[in-house]
Amino acid sequence: MESILYILERGDNMKKSSVTINMEQVRHLTESRLWSWNELARKAGLSVTTIFSLRSGRRNASNLTARKIAAALGVAPQEIIKK
């Protein structure tokens, strides 16, 4: 698995300033690891409020937030970003 630092530095060529995360995919990945939303937030270095705001659709994610969530889940950012 790529290191979180490498993924965050590389940026995976994501050019938009904000992205819409596929929270259904994130939910599936989170549940498959038997994690709570709180645990995902902790592993991604984000607040629980941020995770719930994304989950409810009240906000989009920054590129950095998307990369942090993806890194915590061990997937490429493109796997959780809506196209």
Protein backbone atom coordinates (compact mmCIF):
# COMPACT_ATOMS: atom_id res chain seq x y z
CA MET A 1 0.00 0.00 0.00
CA GLU A 2 1.27 3.46 -0.85
CA SER A 3 2.15 5.64 2.06
CA ILE A 4 -0.36 8.30 3.03
CA LEU A 5 2.31 10.98 2.70
CA TYR A 6 3.12 9.96 -0.87
CA ILE A 7 -0.54 10.01 -1.89
CA LEU A 8 -1.08 13.40 -0.28
CA GLU A 9 2.04 14.89 -1.89
CA ARG A 10 1.38 13.40 -5.32
CA GLY A 11 -2.21 14.53 -5.50
CA ASP A 12 -3.09 11.95 -8.15
CA ASN A 13 -3.53 14.67 -10.77
CA MET A 14 -6.78 15.89 -9.22
CA LYS A 15 -7.17 19.41 -10.57
CA LYS A 16 -10.58 20.59 -9.28
CA SER A 17 -10.54 22.59 -6.08
CA SER A 18 -13.42 20.54 -4.67
CA VAL A 19 -14.87 17.17 -5.50
CA THR A 20 -18.00 15.22 -4.71
CA ILE A 21 -17.28 12.04 -2.82
CA ASN A 22 -19.34 8.93 -3.45
CA MET A 23 -20.33 8.43 0.17
CA GLU A 24 -22.15 5.19 -0.66
CA GLN A 25 -18.80 3.76 -1.79
CA VAL A 26 -17.12 5.20 1.31
CA ARG A 27 -19.86 3.64 3.48
CA HIS A 28 -19.32 0.26 1.81
CA LEU A 29 -15.54 0.44 2.29
CA THR A 30 -15.92 1.64 5.89
CA GLU A 31 -18.39 -1.10 6.80
CA SER A 32 -16.28 -3.79 5.10
CA ARG A 33 -13.50 -2.83 7.52
CA LEU A 34 -15.98 -2.91 10.44
CA TRP A 35 -15.21 0.75 11.17
CA SER A 36 -17.58 3.38 12.51
CA TRP A 37 -17.80 6.83 10.94
CA ASN A 38 -15.89 8.09 13.99
CA GLU A 39 -13.09 5.64 13.31
CA LEU A 40 -12.90 6.67 9.66
CA ALA A 41 -12.65 10.31 10.73
CA ARG A 42 -9.88 9.50 13.18
CA LYS A 43 -7.89 7.41 10.70
CA ALA A 44 -8.26 10.11 8.03
CA GLY A 45 -7.30 12.90 10.42
CA LEU A 46 -10.64 14.65 9.93
CA SER A 47 -13.37 15.77 12.27
CA VAL A 48 -16.52 13.71 12.63
CA THR A 49 -18.42 16.87 11.66
CA THR A 50 -16.60 16.89 8.30
CA ILE A 51 -17.49 13.25 7.64
CA PHE A 52 -21.15 13.81 8.50
CA SER A 53 -21.31 17.00 6.39
CA LEU A 54 -19.98 15.04 3.42
CA ARG A 55 -22.33 12.15 4.17
CA SER A 56 -25.39 14.42 4.29
CA GLY A 57 -24.39 16.22 1.09
CA ARG A 58 -24.15 19.61 2.83
CA ARG A 59 -20.69 20.11 1.43
CA ASN A 60 -18.22 18.84 -1.12
CA ALA A 61 -14.75 17.72 -0.20
CA SER A 62 -11.52 19.51 -0.90
CA ASN A 63 -8.96 17.54 -2.86
CA LEU A 64 -6.96 17.10 0.33
CA THR A 65 -9.98 15.77 2.25
CA ALA A 66 -10.73 13.29 -0.54
CA ARG A 67 -7.12 12.11 -0.52
CA LYS A 68 -7.14 11.73 3.27
CA ILE A 69 -10.30 9.61 3.20
CA ALA A 70 -8.97 7.49 0.35
CA ALA A 71 -5.63 6.99 2.09
CA ALA A 72 -7.35 5.96 5.33
CA LEU A 73 -9.36 3.41 3.37
CA GLY A 74 -6.32 2.22 1.39
CA VAL A 75 -7.80 3.05 -2.01
CA ALA A 76 -7.00 5.51 -4.80
CA PRO A 77 -8.89 8.81 -4.54
CA GLN A 78 -10.57 8.13 -7.89
CA GLU A 79 -12.30 5.13 -6.33
CA ILE A 80 -14.34 7.36 -4.02
CA ILE A 81 -14.84 10.46 -6.19
CA LYS A 82 -18.03 10.84 -8.22
CA LYS A 83 -17.35 11.45 -11.88
